[in-house]
């Protein structure tokens, strides 16, 4: 099981904080550092010092880390046009030496769109935008040097693009698609994605979602092993009940709720739950770390959970 650290900087984190978490994650042996792509905090907090742009952050981390994988979980299609997105991801990939991954989705948080003047179409339109962005981004990356790429859709038209720059990773940086949709999401994942992510679902729910995507992958004629299946879960680990409660309180959550809906408990308990996800087909887990000042939390997970999974 690969373990990746997943952060939510919109809740209040500057670049220096993110850098400290990313470098700690790399030093401790985690497989990746991923972040959300949001422009507004959620809940009662102030969100200070304010949002940080996901791809600016990842580009900077690309040159300040050496090994760890870097990516978004996930970038909304409403935030960026597909051409500039392809350029930004390819450039960050080059800056990192080929360590970048693109998680992309429809977006869902209407409040952040209102707060920063970003149009927020209906869900059906956003799904259409997602499919077209996937076609354009992958098409731009795949076009051979010297051969232009064109695309005409309901939402975007690309005419005679040179499709530059090309990412370092070939044929492309991995693309991650998530969501619980019963039909369209599995089809899009099977058509464009290298990884399907079941975010904040139960073990059984994640397994059912994986089965739907597996069926879509087979229908698309892809090899079964060409898709990675991952999950995302909040983590709250402590050596004893007092430490667990302290960490839960720091993120404004109740221990029992976290035990039911996340990876919470002693290192042995957290590892046991991770193994349950593994038995359901999970190959990689994104550990949602909400208190970014608590680097001892990462050290505990690395020292006492990672060896068990």
C-alpha atoms as a PDB file:
ATOM      1  CA  UNK A   1       0.000   0.000   0.000  1.00  0.00           C
ATOM      2  CA  UNK A   2       1.372   3.398  -0.989  1.00  0.00           C
ATOM      3  CA  UNK A   3       0.658   6.214   1.459  1.00  0.00           C
ATOM      4  CA  UNK A   4       0.362   9.804   0.280  1.00  0.00           C
ATOM      5  CA  UNK A   5      -0.177  12.980   2.292  1.00  0.00           C
ATOM      6  CA  UNK A   6      -3.175  15.054   1.234  1.00  0.00           C
ATOM      7  CA  UNK A   7      -3.619  18.643   2.464  1.00  0.00           C
ATOM      8  CA  UNK A   8      -6.427  21.210   2.426  1.00  0.00           C
ATOM      9  CA  UNK A   9      -4.581  24.568   2.294  1.00  0.00           C
ATOM     10  CA  UNK A  10      -7.749  26.614   1.763  1.00  0.00           C
ATOM     11  CA  UNK A  11      -8.431  26.110   5.468  1.00  0.00           C
ATOM     12  CA  UNK A  12      -5.461  28.348   6.236  1.00  0.00           C
ATOM     13  CA  UNK A  13      -1.886  27.606   5.165  1.00  0.00           C
ATOM     14  CA  UNK A  14       0.791  29.684   3.504  1.00  0.00           C
ATOM     15  CA  UNK A  15       3.480  28.331   1.194  1.00  0.00           C
ATOM     16  CA  UNK A  16       6.057  27.990   3.975  1.00  0.00           C
ATOM     17  CA  UNK A  17       3.692  25.686   5.862  1.00  0.00           C
ATOM     18  CA  UNK A  18       3.024  23.578   2.784  1.00  0.00           C
ATOM     19  CA  UNK A  19       6.745  23.353   2.075  1.00  0.00           C
ATOM     20  CA  UNK A  20       7.415  22.127   5.602  1.00  0.00           C
ATOM     21  CA  UNK A  21       4.756  19.398   5.257  1.00  0.00           C
ATOM     22  CA  UNK A  22       5.935  18.356   1.784  1.00  0.00           C
ATOM     23  CA  UNK A  23       9.587  18.119   2.785  1.00  0.00           C
ATOM     24  CA  UNK A  24       8.674  16.230   5.955  1.00  0.00           C
ATOM     25  CA  UNK A  25       6.552  13.813   3.910  1.00  0.00           C
ATOM     26  CA  UNK A  26       9.467  13.260   1.537  1.00  0.00           C
ATOM     27  CA  UNK A  27      11.972  12.770   4.355  1.00  0.00           C
ATOM     28  CA  UNK A  28       9.682  10.293   6.124  1.00  0.00           C
ATOM     29  CA  UNK A  29       9.147   8.098   3.084  1.00  0.00           C
ATOM     30  CA  UNK A  30       5.607   8.930   2.000  1.00  0.00           C
ATOM     31  CA  UNK A  31       4.944   8.330  -1.679  1.00  0.00           C
ATOM     32  CA  UNK A  32       3.340  11.678  -2.496  1.00  0.00           C
ATOM     33  CA  UNK A  33       2.294  15.155  -1.393  1.00  0.00           C
ATOM     34  CA  UNK A  34      -1.044  16.220  -2.804  1.00  0.00           C
ATOM     35  CA  UNK A  35      -3.223  19.219  -2.160  1.00  0.00           C
ATOM     36  CA  UNK A  36      -6.765  20.321  -2.791  1.00  0.00           C
ATOM     37  CA  UNK A  37      -7.474  23.020  -5.367  1.00  0.00           C
ATOM     38  CA  UNK A  38      -9.823  25.472  -3.643  1.00  0.00           C
ATOM     39  CA  UNK A  39      -9.973  29.240  -3.264  1.00  0.00           C
ATOM     40  CA  UNK A  40     -12.214  29.534  -0.177  1.00  0.00           C
ATOM     41  CA  UNK A  41     -12.165  27.933   3.257  1.00  0.00           C
ATOM     42  CA  UNK A  42     -14.972  25.707   4.447  1.00  0.00           C
ATOM     43  CA  UNK A  43     -16.555  25.842   7.873  1.00  0.00           C
ATOM     44  CA  UNK A  44     -16.147  28.395  10.635  1.00  0.00           C
ATOM     45  CA  UNK A  45     -12.457  29.247  10.310  1.00  0.00           C
ATOM     46  CA  UNK A  46     -11.104  32.510   8.938  1.00  0.00           C
ATOM     47  CA  UNK A  47      -9.028  30.845   6.232  1.00  0.00           C
ATOM     48  CA  UNK A  48      -6.131  33.178   7.062  1.00  0.00           C
ATOM     49  CA  UNK A  49      -3.694  33.898   5.528  1.00  0.00           C
ATOM     50  CA  UNK A  50      -5.840  33.109   2.484  1.00  0.00           C
ATOM     51  CA  UNK A  51      -5.833  30.723  -0.449  1.00  0.00           C
ATOM     52  CA  UNK A  52      -2.767  29.565  -2.326  1.00  0.00           C
ATOM     53  CA  UNK A  53      -2.955  28.551  -5.965  1.00  0.00           C
ATOM     54  CA  UNK A  54      -2.531  24.799  -6.370  1.00  0.00           C
ATOM     55  CA  UNK A  55      -0.347  24.775  -9.466  1.00  0.00           C
ATOM     56  CA  UNK A  56       1.826  27.674  -8.325  1.00  0.00           C
ATOM     57  CA  UNK A  57       2.397  25.725  -5.110  1.00  0.00           C
ATOM     58  CA  UNK A  58       3.225  22.488  -6.907  1.00  0.00           C
ATOM     59  CA  UNK A  59       5.607  24.227  -9.310  1.00  0.00           C
ATOM     60  CA  UNK A  60       7.509  25.702  -6.389  1.00  0.00           C
ATOM     61  CA  UNK A  61       7.568  22.374  -4.559  1.00  0.00           C
ATOM     62  CA  UNK A  62       8.836  20.762  -7.756  1.00  0.00           C
ATOM     63  CA  UNK A  63      12.157  22.530  -7.361  1.00  0.00           C
ATOM     64  CA  UNK A  64      12.319  22.213  -3.573  1.00  0.00           C
ATOM     65  CA  UNK A  65      11.772  18.451  -3.374  1.00  0.00           C
ATOM     66  CA  UNK A  66      13.602  15.581  -5.032  1.00  0.00           C
ATOM     67  CA  UNK A  67      11.618  12.324  -4.876  1.00  0.00           C
ATOM     68  CA  UNK A  68       8.041  12.723  -3.749  1.00  0.00           C
ATOM     69  CA  UNK A  69       5.131  12.658  -6.202  1.00  0.00           C
ATOM     70  CA  UNK A  70       3.174  15.938  -6.450  1.00  0.00           C
ATOM     71  CA  UNK A  71      -0.381  16.600  -7.566  1.00  0.00           C
ATOM     72  CA  UNK A  72      -3.916  17.872  -7.062  1.00  0.00           C
ATOM     73  CA  UNK A  73      -6.919  16.090  -5.643  1.00  0.00           C
ATOM     74  CA  UNK A  74      -8.564  17.618  -7.553  1.00  0.00           C
ATOM     75  CA  UNK A  75      -8.430  20.658  -9.878  1.00  0.00           C
ATOM     76  CA  UNK A  76     -11.908  21.881 -10.907  1.00  0.00           C
ATOM     77  CA  UNK A  77     -12.494  22.348 -14.627  1.00  0.00           C
ATOM     78  CA  UNK A  78     -14.080  25.716 -13.842  1.00  0.00           C
ATOM     79  CA  UNK A  79     -10.806  27.257 -12.647  1.00  0.00           C
ATOM     80  CA  UNK A  80      -8.700  27.000 -15.811  1.00  0.00           C
ATOM     81  CA  UNK A  81      -9.007  26.686 -19.556  1.00  0.00           C
ATOM     82  CA  UNK A  82      -7.703  23.347 -20.847  1.00  0.00           C
ATOM     83  CA  UNK A  83      -4.833  24.788 -22.917  1.00  0.00           C
ATOM     84  CA  UNK A  84      -3.259  26.815 -20.093  1.00  0.00           C
ATOM     85  CA  UNK A  85      -3.854  23.885 -17.724  1.00  0.00           C
ATOM     86  CA  UNK A  86      -1.928  21.560 -20.056  1.00  0.00           C
ATOM     87  CA  UNK A  87       0.926  24.093 -20.203  1.00  0.00           C
ATOM     88  CA  UNK A  88       1.049  24.571 -16.402  1.00  0.00           C
ATOM     89  CA  UNK A  89       1.049  20.852 -15.637  1.00  0.00           C
ATOM     90  CA  UNK A  90       3.649  20.087 -18.318  1.00  0.00           C
ATOM     91  CA  UNK A  91       5.904  22.856 -16.997  1.00  0.00           C
ATOM     92  CA  UNK A  92       5.559  21.667 -13.395  1.00  0.00           C
ATOM     93  CA  UNK A  93       6.336  18.156 -14.619  1.00  0.00           C
ATOM     94  CA  UNK A  94       9.544  19.385 -16.248  1.00  0.00           C
ATOM     95  CA  UNK A  95      10.479  21.368 -13.142  1.00  0.00           C
ATOM     96  CA  UNK A  96      10.025  18.263 -10.981  1.00  0.00           C
ATOM     97  CA  UNK A  97      11.874  15.904 -13.281  1.00  0.00           C
ATOM     98  CA  UNK A  98       8.694  13.981 -14.033  1.00  0.00           C
ATOM     99  CA  UNK A  99       6.911  13.704 -10.659  1.00  0.00           C
ATOM    100  CA  UNK A 100       3.595  15.494 -11.282  1.00  0.00           C
ATOM    101  CA  UNK A 101       0.071  14.023 -11.426  1.00  0.00           C
ATOM    102  CA  UNK A 102      -3.143  15.765 -12.469  1.00  0.00           C
ATOM    103  CA  UNK A 103      -6.289  15.113 -10.485  1.00  0.00           C
ATOM    104  CA  UNK A 104      -9.225  16.762 -12.243  1.00  0.00           C
ATOM    105  CA  UNK A 105     -12.957  16.967 -11.623  1.00  0.00           C
ATOM    106  CA  UNK A 106     -16.136  18.951 -12.169  1.00  0.00           C
ATOM    107  CA  UNK A 107     -15.814  21.184  -9.091  1.00  0.00           C
ATOM    108  CA  UNK A 108     -18.592  21.479  -6.544  1.00  0.00           C
ATOM    109  CA  UNK A 109     -18.109  24.469  -4.219  1.00  0.00           C
ATOM    110  CA  UNK A 110     -20.293  27.249  -5.594  1.00  0.00           C
ATOM    111  CA  UNK A 111     -19.287  29.653  -2.794  1.00  0.00           C
ATOM    112  CA  UNK A 112     -15.662  29.915  -3.913  1.00  0.00           C
ATOM    113  CA  UNK A 113     -16.795  30.653  -7.448  1.00  0.00           C
ATOM    114  CA  UNK A 114     -19.008  33.482  -6.249  1.00  0.00           C
ATOM    115  CA  UNK A 115     -16.250  34.846  -4.003  1.00  0.00           C
ATOM    116  CA  UNK A 116     -13.713  35.108  -6.840  1.00  0.00           C
ATOM    117  CA  UNK A 117     -15.885  35.813  -9.865  1.00  0.00           C
ATOM    118  CA  UNK A 118     -15.615  32.382 -11.472  1.00  0.00           C
ATOM    119  CA  UNK A 119     -18.601  31.136 -13.505  1.00  0.00           C
ATOM    120  CA  UNK A 120     -20.231  28.018 -12.051  1.00  0.00           C
ATOM    121  CA  UNK A 121     -22.368  26.259 -14.675  1.00  0.00           C
ATOM    122  CA  UNK A 122     -24.862  23.513 -13.906  1.00  0.00           C
ATOM    123  CA  UNK A 123     -23.477  20.051 -13.114  1.00  0.00           C
ATOM    124  CA  UNK A 124     -24.370  18.627 -16.515  1.00  0.00           C
ATOM    125  CA  UNK A 125     -22.426  21.398 -18.213  1.00  0.00           C
ATOM    126  CA  UNK A 126     -19.462  20.874 -15.886  1.00  0.00           C
ATOM    127  CA  UNK A 127     -19.399  17.185 -16.769  1.00  0.00           C
ATOM    128  CA  UNK A 128     -19.310  18.195 -20.420  1.00  0.00           C
ATOM    129  CA  UNK A 129     -16.466  20.607 -19.677  1.00  0.00           C
ATOM    130  CA  UNK A 130     -14.600  17.850 -17.830  1.00  0.00           C
ATOM    131  CA  UNK A 131     -14.841  15.443 -20.743  1.00  0.00           C
ATOM    132  CA  UNK A 132     -13.696  18.076 -23.228  1.00  0.00           C
ATOM    133  CA  UNK A 133     -10.834  19.242 -21.005  1.00  0.00           C
ATOM    134  CA  UNK A 134      -9.629  15.659 -20.673  1.00  0.00           C
ATOM    135  CA  UNK A 135      -9.736  15.219 -24.441  1.00  0.00           C
ATOM    136  CA  UNK A 136      -7.862  18.483 -25.025  1.00  0.00           C
ATOM    137  CA  UNK A 137      -5.213  18.138 -22.316  1.00  0.00           C
ATOM    138  CA  UNK A 138      -4.363  14.565 -23.303  1.00  0.00           C
ATOM    139  CA  UNK A 139      -4.503  15.482 -26.985  1.00  0.00           C
ATOM    140  CA  UNK A 140      -2.125  18.401 -26.565  1.00  0.00           C
ATOM    141  CA  UNK A 141       0.353  16.249 -24.670  1.00  0.00           C
ATOM    142  CA  UNK A 142       0.093  13.353 -27.131  1.00  0.00           C
ATOM    143  CA  UNK A 143       0.489  15.353 -30.351  1.00  0.00           C
ATOM    144  CA  UNK A 144       3.942  14.601 -31.824  1.00  0.00           C
ATOM    145  CA  UNK A 145       6.338  17.569 -31.902  1.00  0.00           C
ATOM    146  CA  UNK A 146       5.829  19.437 -35.144  1.00  0.00           C
ATOM    147  CA  UNK A 147       2.228  18.226 -35.486  1.00  0.00           C
ATOM    148  CA  UNK A 148      -0.572  20.589 -34.530  1.00  0.00           C
ATOM    149  CA  UNK A 149      -3.614  19.611 -32.475  1.00  0.00           C
ATOM    150  CA  UNK A 150      -7.178  20.806 -33.059  1.00  0.00           C
ATOM    151  CA  UNK A 151     -10.423  20.125 -31.230  1.00  0.00           C
ATOM    152  CA  UNK A 152     -13.967  21.416 -31.582  1.00  0.00           C
ATOM    153  CA  UNK A 153     -16.514  20.809 -28.843  1.00  0.00           C
ATOM    154  CA  UNK A 154     -19.547  22.385 -27.227  1.00  0.00           C
ATOM    155  CA  UNK A 155     -17.435  24.176 -24.608  1.00  0.00           C
ATOM    156  CA  UNK A 156     -13.954  24.592 -26.106  1.00  0.00           C
ATOM    157  CA  UNK A 157     -12.404  24.996 -29.543  1.00  0.00           C
ATOM    158  CA  UNK A 158      -8.658  24.508 -30.066  1.00  0.00           C
ATOM    159  CA  UNK A 159      -7.246  25.347 -33.493  1.00  0.00           C
ATOM    160  CA  UNK A 160      -3.819  24.329 -34.788  1.00  0.00           C
ATOM    161  CA  UNK A 161      -2.108  24.262 -31.400  1.00  0.00           C
ATOM    162  CA  UNK A 162       1.541  23.148 -31.364  1.00  0.00           C
ATOM    163  CA  UNK A 163       0.750  21.409 -28.088  1.00  0.00           C
ATOM    164  CA  UNK A 164       3.864  22.706 -26.360  1.00  0.00           C
ATOM    165  CA  UNK A 165       5.493  22.240 -23.951  1.00  0.00           C
ATOM    166  CA  UNK A 166       5.478  18.476 -23.643  1.00  0.00           C
ATOM    167  CA  UNK A 167       5.610  16.925 -20.173  1.00  0.00           C
ATOM    168  CA  UNK A 168       8.678  14.928 -19.141  1.00  0.00           C
ATOM    169  CA  UNK A 169       6.609  11.853 -18.307  1.00  0.00           C
ATOM    170  CA  UNK A 170       5.653   9.882 -21.371  1.00  0.00           C
ATOM    171  CA  UNK A 171       3.140   9.246 -22.633  1.00  0.00           C
ATOM    172  CA  UNK A 172       1.889  11.780 -20.055  1.00  0.00           C
ATOM    173  CA  UNK A 173       1.646  12.606 -16.361  1.00  0.00           C
ATOM    174  CA  UNK A 174      -0.852  10.314 -14.627  1.00  0.00           C
ATOM    175  CA  UNK A 175      -4.436  11.576 -14.627  1.00  0.00           C
ATOM    176  CA  UNK A 176      -6.637  10.952 -11.594  1.00  0.00           C
ATOM    177  CA  UNK A 177     -10.440  10.999 -11.748  1.00  0.00           C
ATOM    178  CA  UNK A 178     -12.714  10.458  -8.758  1.00  0.00           C
ATOM    179  CA  UNK A 179     -16.350  10.729  -7.807  1.00  0.00           C
ATOM    180  CA  UNK A 180     -19.204   8.410  -7.006  1.00  0.00           C
ATOM    181  CA  UNK A 181     -21.116   8.643 -10.276  1.00  0.00           C
ATOM    182  CA  UNK A 182     -22.645   5.362 -11.367  1.00  0.00           C
ATOM    183  CA  UNK A 183     -22.217   5.655 -15.141  1.00  0.00           C
ATOM    184  CA  UNK A 184     -20.515   8.744 -16.532  1.00  0.00           C
ATOM    185  CA  UNK A 185     -17.643   8.842 -14.037  1.00  0.00           C
ATOM    186  CA  UNK A 186     -16.578   5.205 -14.656  1.00  0.00           C
ATOM    187  CA  UNK A 187     -16.748   5.809 -18.406  1.00  0.00           C
ATOM    188  CA  UNK A 188     -14.612   8.954 -18.207  1.00  0.00           C
ATOM    189  CA  UNK A 189     -12.135   7.199 -15.934  1.00  0.00           C
ATOM    190  CA  UNK A 190     -11.865   4.240 -18.299  1.00  0.00           C
ATOM    191  CA  UNK A 191     -11.390   6.586 -21.261  1.00  0.00           C
ATOM    192  CA  UNK A 192      -8.872   9.036 -19.836  1.00  0.00           C
ATOM    193  CA  UNK A 193      -7.632   8.212 -16.334  1.00  0.00           C
ATOM    194  CA  UNK A 194      -4.629   6.325 -15.024  1.00  0.00           C
ATOM    195  CA  UNK A 195      -6.048   6.284 -11.495  1.00  0.00           C
ATOM    196  CA  UNK A 196      -9.535   6.224 -10.016  1.00  0.00           C
ATOM    197  CA  UNK A 197      -9.950   7.708  -6.531  1.00  0.00           C
ATOM    198  CA  UNK A 198     -12.780   6.890  -4.141  1.00  0.00           C
ATOM    199  CA  UNK A 199     -12.736   9.844  -1.759  1.00  0.00           C
ATOM    200  CA  UNK A 200     -14.084   9.664   1.795  1.00  0.00           C
ATOM    201  CA  UNK A 201     -16.207   6.580   1.156  1.00  0.00           C
ATOM    202  CA  UNK A 202     -16.592   3.482   3.301  1.00  0.00           C
ATOM    203  CA  UNK A 203     -14.618   0.324   2.633  1.00  0.00           C
ATOM    204  CA  UNK A 204     -17.632  -1.331   1.021  1.00  0.00           C
ATOM    205  CA  UNK A 205     -18.577   1.806  -0.909  1.00  0.00           C
ATOM    206  CA  UNK A 206     -15.044   2.143  -2.233  1.00  0.00           C
ATOM    207  CA  UNK A 207     -15.019  -1.484  -3.309  1.00  0.00           C
ATOM    208  CA  UNK A 208     -18.322  -1.048  -5.154  1.00  0.00           C
ATOM    209  CA  UNK A 209     -17.008   2.052  -6.928  1.00  0.00           C
ATOM    210  CA  UNK A 210     -13.851   0.176  -7.923  1.00  0.00           C
ATOM    211  CA  UNK A 211     -15.998  -2.612  -9.382  1.00  0.00           C
ATOM    212  CA  UNK A 212     -17.922  -0.132 -11.538  1.00  0.00           C
ATOM    213  CA  UNK A 213     -14.689   1.329 -12.882  1.00  0.00           C
ATOM    214  CA  UNK A 214     -13.198  -2.126 -13.451  1.00  0.00           C
ATOM    215  CA  UNK A 215     -16.235  -3.006 -15.552  1.00  0.00           C
ATOM    216  CA  UNK A 216     -15.843   0.215 -17.554  1.00  0.00           C
ATOM    217  CA  UNK A 217     -12.116  -0.473 -18.051  1.00  0.00           C
ATOM    218  CA  UNK A 218     -12.901  -3.947 -19.393  1.00  0.00           C
ATOM    219  CA  UNK A 219     -15.612  -2.562 -21.671  1.00  0.00           C
ATOM    220  CA  UNK A 220     -13.121  -0.030 -23.038  1.00  0.00           C
ATOM    221  CA  UNK A 221     -10.742  -2.855 -23.910  1.00  0.00           C
ATOM    222  CA  UNK A 222      -8.019  -1.727 -21.523  1.00  0.00           C
ATOM    223  CA  UNK A 223      -5.784  -4.137 -19.586  1.00  0.00           C
ATOM    224  CA  UNK A 224      -7.117  -4.628 -16.075  1.00  0.00           C
ATOM    225  CA  UNK A 225      -3.811  -3.535 -14.537  1.00  0.00           C
ATOM    226  CA  UNK A 226      -3.743  -0.247 -16.439  1.00  0.00           C
ATOM    227  CA  UNK A 227      -5.884   1.469 -13.752  1.00  0.00           C
ATOM    228  CA  UNK A 228      -4.735   2.302 -10.222  1.00  0.00           C
ATOM    229  CA  UNK A 229      -7.437   2.257  -7.530  1.00  0.00           C
ATOM    230  CA  UNK A 230      -7.008   4.637  -4.617  1.00  0.00           C
ATOM    231  CA  UNK A 231      -8.911   6.054  -1.650  1.00  0.00           C
ATOM    232  CA  UNK A 232      -8.772   9.255   0.392  1.00  0.00           C
ATOM    233  CA  UNK A 233      -9.472   9.254   4.123  1.00  0.00           C
ATOM    234  CA  UNK A 234      -8.991  11.711   6.960  1.00  0.00           C
ATOM    235  CA  UNK A 235      -6.347  10.461   9.395  1.00  0.00           C
ATOM    236  CA  UNK A 236      -6.126  10.999  13.153  1.00  0.00           C
ATOM    237  CA  UNK A 237      -3.533   8.759  14.758  1.00  0.00           C
ATOM    238  CA  UNK A 238      -2.251   8.735  18.335  1.00  0.00           C
ATOM    239  CA  UNK A 239      -0.325   6.432  20.632  1.00  0.00           C
ATOM    240  CA  UNK A 240      -3.141   6.449  23.205  1.00  0.00           C
ATOM    241  CA  UNK A 241      -6.666   7.788  23.630  1.00  0.00           C
ATOM    242  CA  UNK A 242      -5.433  11.093  25.035  1.00  0.00           C
ATOM    243  CA  UNK A 243      -3.252  11.789  22.001  1.00  0.00           C
ATOM    244  CA  UNK A 244      -6.025  10.717  19.627  1.00  0.00           C
ATOM    245  CA  UNK A 245      -8.483  13.059  21.368  1.00  0.00           C
ATOM    246  CA  UNK A 246      -5.998  15.939  21.267  1.00  0.00           C
ATOM    247  CA  UNK A 247      -5.520  15.551  17.531  1.00  0.00           C
ATOM    248  CA  UNK A 248      -9.259  15.247  16.918  1.00  0.00           C
ATOM    249  CA  UNK A 249      -9.914  18.397  18.939  1.00  0.00           C
ATOM    250  CA  UNK A 250      -7.257  20.280  16.968  1.00  0.00           C
ATOM    251  CA  UNK A 251      -9.255  19.736  13.764  1.00  0.00           C
ATOM    252  CA  UNK A 252     -12.673  20.299  15.357  1.00  0.00           C
ATOM    253  CA  UNK A 253     -13.861  16.695  15.039  1.00  0.00           C
ATOM    254  CA  UNK A 254     -15.181  14.043  17.427  1.00  0.00           C
ATOM    255  CA  UNK A 255     -13.142  10.896  17.933  1.00  0.00           C
ATOM    256  CA  UNK A 256     -16.000   8.459  17.425  1.00  0.00           C
ATOM    257  CA  UNK A 257     -17.134  10.207  14.255  1.00  0.00           C
ATOM    258  CA  UNK A 258     -13.585  10.066  12.947  1.00  0.00           C
ATOM    259  CA  UNK A 259     -13.320   6.390  13.844  1.00  0.00           C
ATOM    260  CA  UNK A 260     -16.438   5.697  11.801  1.00  0.00           C
ATOM    261  CA  UNK A 261     -15.618   7.932   8.823  1.00  0.00           C
ATOM    262  CA  UNK A 262     -11.836   7.940   8.675  1.00  0.00           C
ATOM    263  CA  UNK A 263      -8.577   6.333   9.731  1.00  0.00           C
ATOM    264  CA  UNK A 264      -8.521   7.019  13.450  1.00  0.00           C
ATOM    265  CA  UNK A 265      -7.015   5.345  16.482  1.00  0.00           C
ATOM    266  CA  UNK A 266      -3.712   3.882  17.527  1.00  0.00           C
ATOM    267  CA  UNK A 267      -1.169   2.995  14.845  1.00  0.00           C
ATOM    268  CA  UNK A 268      -2.367  -0.624  14.979  1.00  0.00           C
ATOM    269  CA  UNK A 269      -5.995   0.461  14.528  1.00  0.00           C
ATOM    270  CA  UNK A 270      -5.175   2.771  11.637  1.00  0.00           C
ATOM    271  CA  UNK A 271      -3.103   0.076   9.957  1.00  0.00           C
ATOM    272  CA  UNK A 272      -5.904  -2.455  10.369  1.00  0.00           C
ATOM    273  CA  UNK A 273      -8.390  -0.105   8.680  1.00  0.00           C
ATOM    274  CA  UNK A 274      -5.925   0.549   5.856  1.00  0.00           C
ATOM    275  CA  UNK A 275      -5.622  -3.208   5.354  1.00  0.00           C
ATOM    276  CA  UNK A 276      -9.430  -3.394   5.062  1.00  0.00           C
ATOM    277  CA  UNK A 277      -9.248  -0.865   2.231  1.00  0.00           C
ATOM    278  CA  UNK A 278      -6.482  -2.941   0.694  1.00  0.00           C
ATOM    279  CA  UNK A 279      -8.658  -6.047   0.785  1.00  0.00           C
ATOM    280  CA  UNK A 280     -11.334  -4.054  -1.090  1.00  0.00           C
ATOM    281  CA  UNK A 281      -8.860  -3.310  -3.881  1.00  0.00           C
ATOM    282  CA  UNK A 282      -7.226  -0.070  -2.742  1.00  0.00           C
ATOM    283  CA  UNK A 283      -3.622   0.258  -3.904  1.00  0.00           C
ATOM    284  CA  UNK A 284      -2.878   3.760  -2.616  1.00  0.00           C
ATOM    285  CA  UNK A 285      -4.371   5.841   0.206  1.00  0.00           C
ATOM    286  CA  UNK A 286      -4.314   9.629   0.439  1.00  0.00           C
ATOM    287  CA  UNK A 287      -4.114  10.532   4.121  1.00  0.00           C
ATOM    288  CA  UNK A 288      -5.995  13.791   4.631  1.00  0.00           C
ATOM    289  CA  UNK A 289      -3.947  15.709   7.208  1.00  0.00           C
ATOM    290  CA  UNK A 290      -5.866  18.732   8.472  1.00  0.00           C
ATOM    291  CA  UNK A 291      -3.540  20.101  11.176  1.00  0.00           C
ATOM    292  CA  UNK A 292      -0.531  21.126   9.120  1.00  0.00           C
ATOM    293  CA  UNK A 293       1.390  22.364  12.165  1.00  0.00           C
ATOM    294  CA  UNK A 294       1.550  18.859  13.662  1.00  0.00           C
ATOM    295  CA  UNK A 295       4.526  17.286  11.898  1.00  0.00           C
ATOM    296  CA  UNK A 296       4.831  14.796  14.775  1.00  0.00           C
ATOM    297  CA  UNK A 297       1.620  13.268  13.425  1.00  0.00           C
ATOM    298  CA  UNK A 298       3.379  12.470  10.150  1.00  0.00           C
ATOM    299  CA  UNK A 299       6.385  11.118  12.035  1.00  0.00           C
ATOM    300  CA  UNK A 300       4.164   8.766  14.051  1.00  0.00           C
ATOM    301  CA  UNK A 301       2.393   7.464  10.943  1.00  0.00           C
ATOM    302  CA  UNK A 302       5.672   6.937   9.138  1.00  0.00           C
ATOM    303  CA  UNK A 303       7.302   5.169  12.079  1.00  0.00           C
ATOM    304  CA  UNK A 304       4.433   2.999  13.326  1.00  0.00           C
ATOM    305  CA  UNK A 305       1.755   2.709  10.621  1.00  0.00           C
ATOM    306  CA  UNK A 306       3.745   2.576   7.380  1.00  0.00           C
ATOM    307  CA  UNK A 307       5.721  -0.561   8.358  1.00  0.00           C
ATOM    308  CA  UNK A 308       2.429  -2.412   9.044  1.00  0.00           C
ATOM    309  CA  UNK A 309       0.906  -1.757   5.625  1.00  0.00           C
END
